[in-house]
Amino acid sequence: MQQRLAGASYESAVIGDRFQLDLPPTALARTASIAPIGFTRLKSERAMQGPAKNVPPEHAFSFHVPLLPVAADLWIDGRHLLSKAMNPGATFLFDLRSNPVSEIHTPFDNIRFYISQASLDELAFDQGMPRLKGLVSSCQGSYDRVMYGLANALADQVEHECSALFIDHIALAFHAHIVKTYGNATATVDMVAGGLSPWQLRRVLDFITAHLDGDPTIAELARECALSPGYFARAFRRTTGGTPHQWLVRKRVERAKALLLGGRSGLADIAVTCGFVDQSHFTRVFSKIEGDSPGRWRQRHR
């Protein structure tokens, strides 16, 4: 029963029904094996018609971060807590055991973050951290620069590309930030990690290269190195100066350049071969890195 309750809070259909939306786009990060960390974009061109539906109780937490100015009322366990106009970046933390219900009076565009207590416990154990007693906020609706940055980074990814490595990276960054900022732990620990050994780096880069047309996850890469996902992500950045997702994207572009020069394959075929979602995604990423579209780049370099 508890597992079914937990699942409801990151399923797109359930969230959409709660906020009067039709299947809002949702991305799930599998950085924890017990339950995913979920990200949902709640976007509407109109105000809500009455309050959102009640939330079934579960030991989990959600954060809501508006990308646009918005006005709303909020109830916790049936008690009216606040009526407030909010600016982008205002961050609300909700304990899902307490039935948080909102009514949004304006068009809105919010990013919802979800994490269960079980996932918090598992990630803490993997990283040698003390168990969190929960998450708390001293002031609902205060500006959180990091959460606003994560929300903006997620906005398009959740709706369109959803690279597993990118979503996993955001999930680990989200976890690290909320532990530090909102975590109610008995002690703090030094989270600095060492780098990857040469064999670990070689193995993970070979794995990424062999799966350019797939969608590898942080957990899969971490298993290649016999490390936990959180430790691996920090060690990879410490060793290479970037994230696994950034390395994957660069390798995809390198393979695409070889295919552009080596044959007459169409851009749509090259996009699929190199692991891009579609030709539009391929063109957007390639242009950002190379400063030119794939078609023009091919003409110039041939």
C-alpha atoms as a PDB file:
ATOM      1  CA  MET A   1       0.000   0.000   0.000  1.00  0.00           C
ATOM      2  CA  GLN A   2       2.770   2.419   0.893  1.00  0.00           C
ATOM      3  CA  GLN A   3       4.525   1.790  -2.425  1.00  0.00           C
ATOM      4  CA  ARG A   4       1.340   2.529  -4.383  1.00  0.00           C
ATOM      5  CA  LEU A   5       0.892   5.788  -2.514  1.00  0.00           C
ATOM      6  CA  ALA A   6       4.468   6.777  -3.296  1.00  0.00           C
ATOM      7  CA  GLY A   7       4.034   6.001  -6.983  1.00  0.00           C
ATOM      8  CA  ALA A   8       1.026   8.293  -7.298  1.00  0.00           C
ATOM      9  CA  SER A   9       3.009  11.416  -6.527  1.00  0.00           C
ATOM     10  CA  TYR A  10       5.222  11.306  -9.586  1.00  0.00           C
ATOM     11  CA  GLU A  11       2.830   9.812 -12.138  1.00  0.00           C
ATOM     12  CA  SER A  12       1.903  12.388 -14.765  1.00  0.00           C
ATOM     13  CA  ALA A  13      -1.782  11.413 -14.913  1.00  0.00           C
ATOM     14  CA  VAL A  14      -2.229  11.725 -11.141  1.00  0.00           C
ATOM     15  CA  ILE A  15      -0.418  15.063 -10.934  1.00  0.00           C
ATOM     16  CA  GLY A  16      -2.338  16.398 -13.928  1.00  0.00           C
ATOM     17  CA  ASP A  17      -5.665  15.394 -12.407  1.00  0.00           C
ATOM     18  CA  ARG A  18      -4.711  17.101  -9.162  1.00  0.00           C
ATOM     19  CA  PHE A  19      -3.831  20.405 -10.894  1.00  0.00           C
ATOM     20  CA  GLN A  20      -6.525  20.308 -13.624  1.00  0.00           C
ATOM     21  CA  LEU A  21      -4.005  19.582 -16.393  1.00  0.00           C
ATOM     22  CA  ASP A  22      -3.927  16.939 -19.103  1.00  0.00           C
ATOM     23  CA  LEU A  23      -0.811  14.752 -18.631  1.00  0.00           C
ATOM     24  CA  PRO A  24       1.771  17.411 -17.741  1.00  0.00           C
ATOM     25  CA  PRO A  25       5.263  16.428 -19.006  1.00  0.00           C
ATOM     26  CA  THR A  26       7.212  14.510 -16.368  1.00  0.00           C
ATOM     27  CA  ALA A  27      10.778  13.197 -16.248  1.00  0.00           C
ATOM     28  CA  LEU A  28      11.968  10.588 -13.753  1.00  0.00           C
ATOM     29  CA  ALA A  29      15.548  10.141 -12.550  1.00  0.00           C
ATOM     30  CA  ARG A  30      16.488   6.630 -11.427  1.00  0.00           C
ATOM     31  CA  THR A  31      19.353   7.705  -9.184  1.00  0.00           C
ATOM     32  CA  ALA A  32      17.655   5.866  -6.322  1.00  0.00           C
ATOM     33  CA  SER A  33      16.385   2.309  -6.705  1.00  0.00           C
ATOM     34  CA  ILE A  34      13.462   2.595  -4.271  1.00  0.00           C
ATOM     35  CA  ALA A  35      11.567   5.401  -5.992  1.00  0.00           C
ATOM     36  CA  PRO A  36      12.511   7.882  -8.721  1.00  0.00           C
ATOM     37  CA  ILE A  37      13.107  11.569  -8.221  1.00  0.00           C
ATOM     38  CA  GLY A  38      10.438  13.258 -10.333  1.00  0.00           C
ATOM     39  CA  PHE A  39      10.264  16.555 -12.223  1.00  0.00           C
ATOM     40  CA  THR A  40       6.991  17.854 -13.701  1.00  0.00           C
ATOM     41  CA  ARG A  41       6.186  21.019 -15.611  1.00  0.00           C
ATOM     42  CA  LEU A  42       2.805  22.411 -14.506  1.00  0.00           C
ATOM     43  CA  LYS A  43       1.808  24.927 -17.159  1.00  0.00           C
ATOM     44  CA  SER A  44      -1.568  26.477 -17.958  1.00  0.00           C
ATOM     45  CA  GLU A  45      -2.759  29.501 -19.927  1.00  0.00           C
ATOM     46  CA  ARG A  46      -5.617  29.976 -17.486  1.00  0.00           C
ATOM     47  CA  ALA A  47      -6.204  30.082 -13.743  1.00  0.00           C
ATOM     48  CA  MET A  48      -7.361  26.992 -11.881  1.00  0.00           C
ATOM     49  CA  GLN A  49     -11.106  26.497 -11.482  1.00  0.00           C
ATOM     50  CA  GLY A  50     -11.138  25.998  -7.732  1.00  0.00           C
ATOM     51  CA  PRO A  51      -8.539  24.380  -5.438  1.00  0.00           C
ATOM     52  CA  ALA A  52      -6.385  21.432  -6.438  1.00  0.00           C
ATOM     53  CA  LYS A  53      -7.438  17.972  -5.288  1.00  0.00           C
ATOM     54  CA  ASN A  54      -6.369  16.606  -1.915  1.00  0.00           C
ATOM     55  CA  VAL A  55      -3.012  14.815  -1.692  1.00  0.00           C
ATOM     56  CA  PRO A  56      -2.965  11.200  -0.414  1.00  0.00           C
ATOM     57  CA  PRO A  57      -0.545  11.081   2.545  1.00  0.00           C
ATOM     58  CA  GLU A  58       2.940   9.679   1.959  1.00  0.00           C
ATOM     59  CA  HIS A  59       6.374  10.217   3.440  1.00  0.00           C
ATOM     60  CA  ALA A  60       7.706  12.348   0.619  1.00  0.00           C
ATOM     61  CA  PHE A  61       8.354  15.979  -0.282  1.00  0.00           C
ATOM     62  CA  SER A  62       7.626  18.251  -3.226  1.00  0.00           C
ATOM     63  CA  PHE A  63       9.056  21.618  -4.203  1.00  0.00           C
ATOM     64  CA  HIS A  64       7.205  24.058  -6.463  1.00  0.00           C
ATOM     65  CA  VAL A  65       9.164  26.784  -8.264  1.00  0.00           C
ATOM     66  CA  PRO A  66       7.307  29.262 -10.532  1.00  0.00           C
ATOM     67  CA  LEU A  67       8.926  30.351 -13.794  1.00  0.00           C
ATOM     68  CA  LEU A  68       6.406  33.205 -14.195  1.00  0.00           C
ATOM     69  CA  PRO A  69       4.775  35.606 -11.709  1.00  0.00           C
ATOM     70  CA  VAL A  70       1.776  33.900 -10.142  1.00  0.00           C
ATOM     71  CA  ALA A  71      -0.829  34.426  -7.401  1.00  0.00           C
ATOM     72  CA  ALA A  72      -2.166  31.578  -5.266  1.00  0.00           C
ATOM     73  CA  ASP A  73      -3.789  30.518  -2.019  1.00  0.00           C
ATOM     74  CA  LEU A  74      -2.363  27.642   0.008  1.00  0.00           C
ATOM     75  CA  TRP A  75      -3.928  25.298   2.570  1.00  0.00           C
ATOM     76  CA  ILE A  76      -2.079  22.766   4.748  1.00  0.00           C
ATOM     77  CA  ASP A  77      -4.233  20.027   6.328  1.00  0.00           C
ATOM     78  CA  GLY A  78      -7.316  22.129   5.614  1.00  0.00           C
ATOM     79  CA  ARG A  79      -5.944  25.253   7.321  1.00  0.00           C
ATOM     80  CA  HIS A  80      -5.476  28.356   5.173  1.00  0.00           C
ATOM     81  CA  LEU A  81      -1.784  29.189   5.339  1.00  0.00           C
ATOM     82  CA  LEU A  82      -1.256  32.091   2.952  1.00  0.00           C
ATOM     83  CA  SER A  83      -2.516  34.092  -0.011  1.00  0.00           C
ATOM     84  CA  LYS A  84       0.395  35.406  -1.966  1.00  0.00           C
ATOM     85  CA  ALA A  85       1.633  36.840  -5.256  1.00  0.00           C
ATOM     86  CA  MET A  86       4.925  35.196  -6.137  1.00  0.00           C
ATOM     87  CA  ASN A  87       7.827  36.103  -8.406  1.00  0.00           C
ATOM     88  CA  PRO A  88       9.837  33.608 -10.452  1.00  0.00           C
ATOM     89  CA  GLY A  89      12.205  31.617  -8.239  1.00  0.00           C
ATOM     90  CA  ALA A  90       9.974  31.691  -5.145  1.00  0.00           C
ATOM     91  CA  THR A  91      10.339  28.191  -3.687  1.00  0.00           C
ATOM     92  CA  PHE A  92       7.720  26.240  -1.785  1.00  0.00           C
ATOM     93  CA  LEU A  93       8.539  23.035   0.095  1.00  0.00           C
ATOM     94  CA  PHE A  94       5.644  20.701   0.943  1.00  0.00           C
ATOM     95  CA  ASP A  95       5.623  17.689   3.229  1.00  0.00           C
ATOM     96  CA  LEU A  96       3.203  15.341   1.464  1.00  0.00           C
ATOM     97  CA  ARG A  97       2.044  13.868   4.755  1.00  0.00           C
ATOM     98  CA  SER A  98       0.238  17.150   5.476  1.00  0.00           C
ATOM     99  CA  ASN A  99      -2.127  17.435   2.453  1.00  0.00           C
ATOM    100  CA  PRO A 100      -0.874  20.678   0.847  1.00  0.00           C
ATOM    101  CA  VAL A 101      -3.588  22.111  -1.428  1.00  0.00           C
ATOM    102  CA  SER A 102      -3.290  25.206  -3.597  1.00  0.00           C
ATOM    103  CA  GLU A 103      -5.553  27.296  -5.784  1.00  0.00           C
ATOM    104  CA  ILE A 104      -3.737  29.279  -8.473  1.00  0.00           C
ATOM    105  CA  HIS A 105      -5.572  32.429  -9.557  1.00  0.00           C
ATOM    106  CA  THR A 106      -3.507  33.317 -12.645  1.00  0.00           C
ATOM    107  CA  PRO A 107      -1.985  31.502 -15.627  1.00  0.00           C
ATOM    108  CA  PHE A 108       1.023  29.585 -14.332  1.00  0.00           C
ATOM    109  CA  ASP A 109       4.221  27.810 -15.314  1.00  0.00           C
ATOM    110  CA  ASN A 110       5.782  25.906 -12.407  1.00  0.00           C
ATOM    111  CA  ILE A 111       8.364  23.153 -12.070  1.00  0.00           C
ATOM    112  CA  ARG A 112       7.455  20.538  -9.457  1.00  0.00           C
ATOM    113  CA  PHE A 113      10.256  18.519  -7.843  1.00  0.00           C
ATOM    114  CA  TYR A 114       9.433  15.269  -6.022  1.00  0.00           C
ATOM    115  CA  ILE A 115      11.568  13.122  -3.714  1.00  0.00           C
ATOM    116  CA  SER A 116      10.507  10.474  -1.205  1.00  0.00           C
ATOM    117  CA  GLN A 117      11.960  10.005   2.269  1.00  0.00           C
ATOM    118  CA  ALA A 118      13.015   6.505   1.173  1.00  0.00           C
ATOM    119  CA  SER A 119      15.083   8.006  -1.669  1.00  0.00           C
ATOM    120  CA  LEU A 120      16.612  10.551   0.714  1.00  0.00           C
ATOM    121  CA  ASP A 121      17.614   7.691   3.018  1.00  0.00           C
ATOM    122  CA  GLU A 122      19.078   5.597   0.201  1.00  0.00           C
ATOM    123  CA  LEU A 123      21.119   8.431  -1.307  1.00  0.00           C
ATOM    124  CA  ALA A 124      22.382   9.436   2.136  1.00  0.00           C
ATOM    125  CA  PHE A 125      23.516   5.871   2.807  1.00  0.00           C
ATOM    126  CA  ASP A 126      25.259   5.651  -0.600  1.00  0.00           C
ATOM    127  CA  GLN A 127      27.165   8.872   0.071  1.00  0.00           C
ATOM    128  CA  GLY A 128      28.091   8.154   3.682  1.00  0.00           C
ATOM    129  CA  MET A 129      25.835  10.899   5.023  1.00  0.00           C
ATOM    130  CA  PRO A 130      23.697  10.847   8.176  1.00  0.00           C
ATOM    131  CA  ARG A 131      20.016  10.069   7.708  1.00  0.00           C
ATOM    132  CA  LEU A 132      17.839  13.145   7.279  1.00  0.00           C
ATOM    133  CA  LYS A 133      14.918  13.501   9.663  1.00  0.00           C
ATOM    134  CA  GLY A 134      13.077  15.319   6.891  1.00  0.00           C
ATOM    135  CA  LEU A 135      13.080  18.574   4.940  1.00  0.00           C
ATOM    136  CA  VAL A 136      11.984  21.910   6.401  1.00  0.00           C
ATOM    137  CA  SER A 137      11.711  25.494   5.145  1.00  0.00           C
ATOM    138  CA  SER A 138      11.926  28.477   7.439  1.00  0.00           C
ATOM    139  CA  CYS A 139       9.992  30.703   5.013  1.00  0.00           C
ATOM    140  CA  GLN A 140       7.608  29.446   2.350  1.00  0.00           C
ATOM    141  CA  GLY A 141       7.954  31.286  -0.941  1.00  0.00           C
ATOM    142  CA  SER A 142      11.431  32.707  -0.356  1.00  0.00           C
ATOM    143  CA  TYR A 143      13.704  33.081  -3.382  1.00  0.00           C
ATOM    144  CA  ASP A 144      16.093  30.152  -3.949  1.00  0.00           C
ATOM    145  CA  ARG A 145      18.628  30.906  -6.687  1.00  0.00           C
ATOM    146  CA  VAL A 146      19.735  27.288  -7.056  1.00  0.00           C
ATOM    147  CA  MET A 147      16.217  25.866  -7.280  1.00  0.00           C
ATOM    148  CA  TYR A 148      15.293  28.548  -9.832  1.00  0.00           C
ATOM    149  CA  GLY A 149      18.344  27.631 -11.906  1.00  0.00           C
ATOM    150  CA  LEU A 150      17.457  23.934 -11.777  1.00  0.00           C
ATOM    151  CA  ALA A 151      13.847  24.725 -12.713  1.00  0.00           C
ATOM    152  CA  ASN A 152      14.927  26.706 -15.771  1.00  0.00           C
ATOM    153  CA  ALA A 153      17.344  23.961 -16.803  1.00  0.00           C
ATOM    154  CA  LEU A 154      14.534  21.407 -16.581  1.00  0.00           C
ATOM    155  CA  ALA A 155      11.824  23.383 -18.371  1.00  0.00           C
ATOM    156  CA  ASP A 156      12.631  22.371 -21.965  1.00  0.00           C
ATOM    157  CA  GLN A 157      14.260  19.039 -21.122  1.00  0.00           C
ATOM    158  CA  VAL A 158      11.146  17.746 -19.379  1.00  0.00           C
ATOM    159  CA  GLU A 159       8.990  18.581 -22.406  1.00  0.00           C
ATOM    160  CA  HIS A 160      11.293  17.589 -25.260  1.00  0.00           C
ATOM    161  CA  GLU A 161      14.670  15.884 -24.902  1.00  0.00           C
ATOM    162  CA  CYS A 162      14.805  14.150 -21.514  1.00  0.00           C
ATOM    163  CA  SER A 163      18.337  12.741 -21.765  1.00  0.00           C
ATOM    164  CA  ALA A 164      18.681  10.246 -18.913  1.00  0.00           C
ATOM    165  CA  LEU A 165      22.196  11.475 -18.050  1.00  0.00           C
ATOM    166  CA  PHE A 166      21.018  15.085 -17.922  1.00  0.00           C
ATOM    167  CA  ILE A 167      17.981  14.284 -15.778  1.00  0.00           C
ATOM    168  CA  ASP A 168      20.120  12.132 -13.445  1.00  0.00           C
ATOM    169  CA  HIS A 169      22.666  14.955 -13.143  1.00  0.00           C
ATOM    170  CA  ILE A 170      19.916  17.447 -12.246  1.00  0.00           C
ATOM    171  CA  ALA A 171      18.508  14.965  -9.715  1.00  0.00           C
ATOM    172  CA  LEU A 172      21.860  14.622  -7.951  1.00  0.00           C
ATOM    173  CA  ALA A 173      22.370  18.398  -7.955  1.00  0.00           C
ATOM    174  CA  PHE A 174      18.844  18.821  -6.574  1.00  0.00           C
ATOM    175  CA  HIS A 175      19.514  16.249  -3.851  1.00  0.00           C
ATOM    176  CA  ALA A 176      22.826  17.858  -2.838  1.00  0.00           C
ATOM    177  CA  HIS A 177      21.214  21.296  -2.624  1.00  0.00           C
ATOM    178  CA  ILE A 178      18.144  20.325  -0.607  1.00  0.00           C
ATOM    179  CA  VAL A 179      20.235  18.294   1.840  1.00  0.00           C
ATOM    180  CA  LYS A 180      22.411  21.339   2.490  1.00  0.00           C
ATOM    181  CA  THR A 181      19.626  23.963   2.465  1.00  0.00           C
ATOM    182  CA  TYR A 182      16.533  22.181   3.774  1.00  0.00           C
ATOM    183  CA  GLY A 183      17.873  19.019   5.382  1.00  0.00           C
ATOM    184  CA  ASN A 184      17.123  18.373   9.025  1.00  0.00           C
ATOM    185  CA  ALA A 185      20.107  16.137   9.851  1.00  0.00           C
ATOM    186  CA  THR A 186      21.894  15.481  13.094  1.00  0.00           C
ATOM    187  CA  ALA A 187      25.298  16.237  11.550  1.00  0.00           C
ATOM    188  CA  THR A 188      26.961  17.374   8.339  1.00  0.00           C
ATOM    189  CA  VAL A 189      29.675  15.601   6.395  1.00  0.00           C
ATOM    190  CA  ASP A 190      32.322  16.612   3.897  1.00  0.00           C
ATOM    191  CA  MET A 191      30.958  15.641   0.475  1.00  0.00           C
ATOM    192  CA  VAL A 192      34.211  16.187  -1.455  1.00  0.00           C
ATOM    193  CA  ALA A 193      34.990  13.100  -3.523  1.00  0.00           C
ATOM    194  CA  GLY A 194      38.210  11.891  -5.074  1.00  0.00           C
ATOM    195  CA  GLY A 195      38.526  11.413  -8.812  1.00  0.00           C
ATOM    196  CA  LEU A 196      38.121   8.275 -10.883  1.00  0.00           C
ATOM    197  CA  SER A 197      41.039   5.907 -11.253  1.00  0.00           C
ATOM    198  CA  PRO A 198      42.447   5.453 -14.806  1.00  0.00           C
ATOM    199  CA  TRP A 199      40.693   2.100 -15.239  1.00  0.00           C
ATOM    200  CA  GLN A 200      37.389   3.540 -14.038  1.00  0.00           C
ATOM    201  CA  LEU A 201      37.610   6.520 -16.383  1.00  0.00           C
ATOM    202  CA  ARG A 202      38.584   4.332 -19.350  1.00  0.00           C
ATOM    203  CA  ARG A 203      35.764   1.901 -18.629  1.00  0.00           C
ATOM    204  CA  VAL A 204      33.065   4.526 -18.302  1.00  0.00           C
ATOM    205  CA  LEU A 205      34.178   6.450 -21.407  1.00  0.00           C
ATOM    206  CA  ASP A 206      34.226   3.221 -23.407  1.00  0.00           C
ATOM    207  CA  PHE A 207      30.723   2.462 -22.133  1.00  0.00           C
ATOM    208  CA  ILE A 208      29.435   5.903 -23.168  1.00  0.00           C
ATOM    209  CA  THR A 209      31.049   5.603 -26.623  1.00  0.00           C
ATOM    210  CA  ALA A 210      29.470   2.185 -27.133  1.00  0.00           C
ATOM    211  CA  HIS A 211      26.017   3.539 -26.233  1.00  0.00           C
ATOM    212  CA  LEU A 212      25.904   6.857 -28.087  1.00  0.00           C
ATOM    213  CA  ASP A 213      22.684   5.813 -29.797  1.00  0.00           C
ATOM    214  CA  GLY A 214      21.084   4.839 -26.488  1.00  0.00           C
ATOM    215  CA  ASP A 215      20.208   6.676 -23.308  1.00  0.00           C
ATOM    216  CA  PRO A 216      22.590   5.552 -20.541  1.00  0.00           C
ATOM    217  CA  THR A 217      21.887   6.559 -16.947  1.00  0.00           C
ATOM    218  CA  ILE A 218      24.149   7.706 -14.129  1.00  0.00           C
ATOM    219  CA  ALA A 219      23.385   4.441 -12.307  1.00  0.00           C
ATOM    220  CA  GLU A 220      24.603   2.378 -15.285  1.00  0.00           C
ATOM    221  CA  LEU A 221      27.836   4.359 -15.536  1.00  0.00           C
ATOM    222  CA  ALA A 222      28.370   4.132 -11.785  1.00  0.00           C
ATOM    223  CA  ARG A 223      28.002   0.333 -11.916  1.00  0.00           C
ATOM    224  CA  GLU A 224      30.809   0.182 -14.487  1.00  0.00           C
ATOM    225  CA  CYS A 225      33.054   1.788 -11.855  1.00  0.00           C
ATOM    226  CA  ALA A 226      31.636  -0.094  -8.849  1.00  0.00           C
ATOM    227  CA  LEU A 227      30.534   3.217  -7.275  1.00  0.00           C
ATOM    228  CA  SER A 228      27.295   4.722  -6.028  1.00  0.00           C
ATOM    229  CA  PRO A 229      25.613   7.163  -8.469  1.00  0.00           C
ATOM    230  CA  GLY A 230      26.221  10.210  -6.270  1.00  0.00           C
ATOM    231  CA  TYR A 231      29.885   9.454  -5.635  1.00  0.00           C
ATOM    232  CA  PHE A 232      30.458   8.612  -9.306  1.00  0.00           C
ATOM    233  CA  ALA A 233      28.936  11.891 -10.554  1.00  0.00           C
ATOM    234  CA  ARG A 234      31.169  13.967  -8.280  1.00  0.00           C
ATOM    235  CA  ALA A 235      34.253  11.877  -9.100  1.00  0.00           C
ATOM    236  CA  PHE A 236      33.618  12.157 -12.851  1.00  0.00           C
ATOM    237  CA  ARG A 237      33.381  15.948 -12.664  1.00  0.00           C
ATOM    238  CA  ARG A 238      36.502  16.102 -10.502  1.00  0.00           C
ATOM    239  CA  THR A 239      38.422  13.997 -13.043  1.00  0.00           C
ATOM    240  CA  THR A 240      37.178  15.472 -16.335  1.00  0.00           C
ATOM    241  CA  GLY A 241      35.963  18.942 -15.396  1.00  0.00           C
ATOM    242  CA  GLY A 242      32.493  18.228 -16.791  1.00  0.00           C
ATOM    243  CA  THR A 243      29.437  16.049 -16.379  1.00  0.00           C
ATOM    244  CA  PRO A 244      28.808  12.677 -18.053  1.00  0.00           C
ATOM    245  CA  HIS A 245      25.992  14.279 -20.034  1.00  0.00           C
ATOM    246  CA  GLN A 246      28.318  16.959 -21.429  1.00  0.00           C
ATOM    247  CA  TRP A 247      30.840  14.294 -22.445  1.00  0.00           C
ATOM    248  CA  LEU A 248      28.099  12.213 -24.086  1.00  0.00           C
ATOM    249  CA  VAL A 249      26.856  15.197 -26.096  1.00  0.00           C
ATOM    250  CA  ARG A 250      30.373  16.043 -27.317  1.00  0.00           C
ATOM    251  CA  LYS A 251      30.967  12.456 -28.432  1.00  0.00           C
ATOM    252  CA  ARG A 252      27.626  12.419 -30.249  1.00  0.00           C
ATOM    253  CA  VAL A 253      28.576  15.583 -32.123  1.00  0.00           C
ATOM    254  CA  GLU A 254      31.996  14.090 -32.999  1.00  0.00           C
ATOM    255  CA  ARG A 255      30.332  10.994 -34.447  1.00  0.00           C
ATOM    256  CA  ALA A 256      27.836  13.175 -36.323  1.00  0.00           C
ATOM    257  CA  LYS A 257      30.675  15.198 -37.884  1.00  0.00           C
ATOM    258  CA  ALA A 258      32.324  12.000 -39.111  1.00  0.00           C
ATOM    259  CA  LEU A 259      29.044  10.845 -40.660  1.00  0.00           C
ATOM    260  CA  LEU A 260      28.429  14.253 -42.244  1.00  0.00           C
ATOM    261  CA  LEU A 261      31.817  14.099 -43.967  1.00  0.00           C
ATOM    262  CA  GLY A 262      31.931  10.377 -44.704  1.00  0.00           C
ATOM    263  CA  GLY A 263      28.734   9.752 -46.641  1.00  0.00           C
ATOM    264  CA  ARG A 264      25.428  10.989 -47.973  1.00  0.00           C
ATOM    265  CA  SER A 265      23.231  10.071 -45.023  1.00  0.00           C
ATOM    266  CA  GLY A 266      20.349  12.430 -44.375  1.00  0.00           C
ATOM    267  CA  LEU A 267      20.310  14.595 -41.271  1.00  0.00           C
ATOM    268  CA  ALA A 268      17.370  12.689 -39.790  1.00  0.00           C
ATOM    269  CA  ASP A 269      19.242   9.359 -40.132  1.00  0.00           C
ATOM    270  CA  ILE A 270      22.415  10.825 -38.616  1.00  0.00           C
ATOM    271  CA  ALA A 271      20.388  12.226 -35.724  1.00  0.00           C
ATOM    272  CA  VAL A 272      18.981   8.791 -34.850  1.00  0.00           C
ATOM    273  CA  THR A 273      22.324   7.022 -35.330  1.00  0.00           C
ATOM    274  CA  CYS A 274      24.052   9.417 -32.943  1.00  0.00           C
ATOM    275  CA  GLY A 275      21.392   9.225 -30.238  1.00  0.00           C
ATOM    276  CA  PHE A 276      19.590  12.539 -30.709  1.00  0.00           C
ATOM    277  CA  VAL A 277      15.841  12.636 -30.205  1.00  0.00           C
ATOM    278  CA  ASP A 278      15.151  13.857 -33.751  1.00  0.00           C
ATOM    279  CA  GLN A 279      16.592  16.110 -36.460  1.00  0.00           C
ATOM    280  CA  SER A 280      15.459  19.263 -34.668  1.00  0.00           C
ATOM    281  CA  HIS A 281      17.239  18.223 -31.472  1.00  0.00           C
ATOM    282  CA  PHE A 282      20.354  17.292 -33.479  1.00  0.00           C
ATOM    283  CA  THR A 283      20.393  20.656 -35.274  1.00  0.00           C
ATOM    284  CA  ARG A 284      19.912  22.615 -32.063  1.00  0.00           C
ATOM    285  CA  VAL A 285      22.713  20.837 -30.159  1.00  0.00           C
ATOM    286  CA  PHE A 286      25.117  20.762 -33.115  1.00  0.00           C
ATOM    287  CA  SER A 287      24.607  24.471 -33.827  1.00  0.00           C
ATOM    288  CA  LYS A 288      25.211  25.375 -30.209  1.00  0.00           C
ATOM    289  CA  ILE A 289      28.535  23.508 -30.107  1.00  0.00           C
ATOM    290  CA  GLU A 290      29.848  24.154 -33.640  1.00  0.00           C
ATOM    291  CA  GLY A 291      28.325  27.571 -34.276  1.00  0.00           C
ATOM    292  CA  ASP A 292      26.689  26.368 -37.501  1.00  0.00           C
ATOM    293  CA  SER A 293      23.899  24.037 -38.570  1.00  0.00           C
ATOM    294  CA  PRO A 294      24.819  20.466 -39.624  1.00  0.00           C
ATOM    295  CA  GLY A 295      23.861  21.147 -43.253  1.00  0.00           C
ATOM    296  CA  ARG A 296      25.976  24.298 -43.563  1.00  0.00           C
ATOM    297  CA  TRP A 297      28.841  22.662 -41.644  1.00  0.00           C
ATOM    298  CA  ARG A 298      28.815  19.731 -44.088  1.00  0.00           C
ATOM    299  CA  GLN A 299      28.904  22.084 -47.109  1.00  0.00           C
ATOM    300  CA  ARG A 300      31.783  24.134 -45.708  1.00  0.00           C
ATOM    301  CA  HIS A 301      33.952  21.191 -44.661  1.00  0.00           C
ATOM    302  CA  ARG A 302      33.456  19.121 -47.785  1.00  0.00           C
END
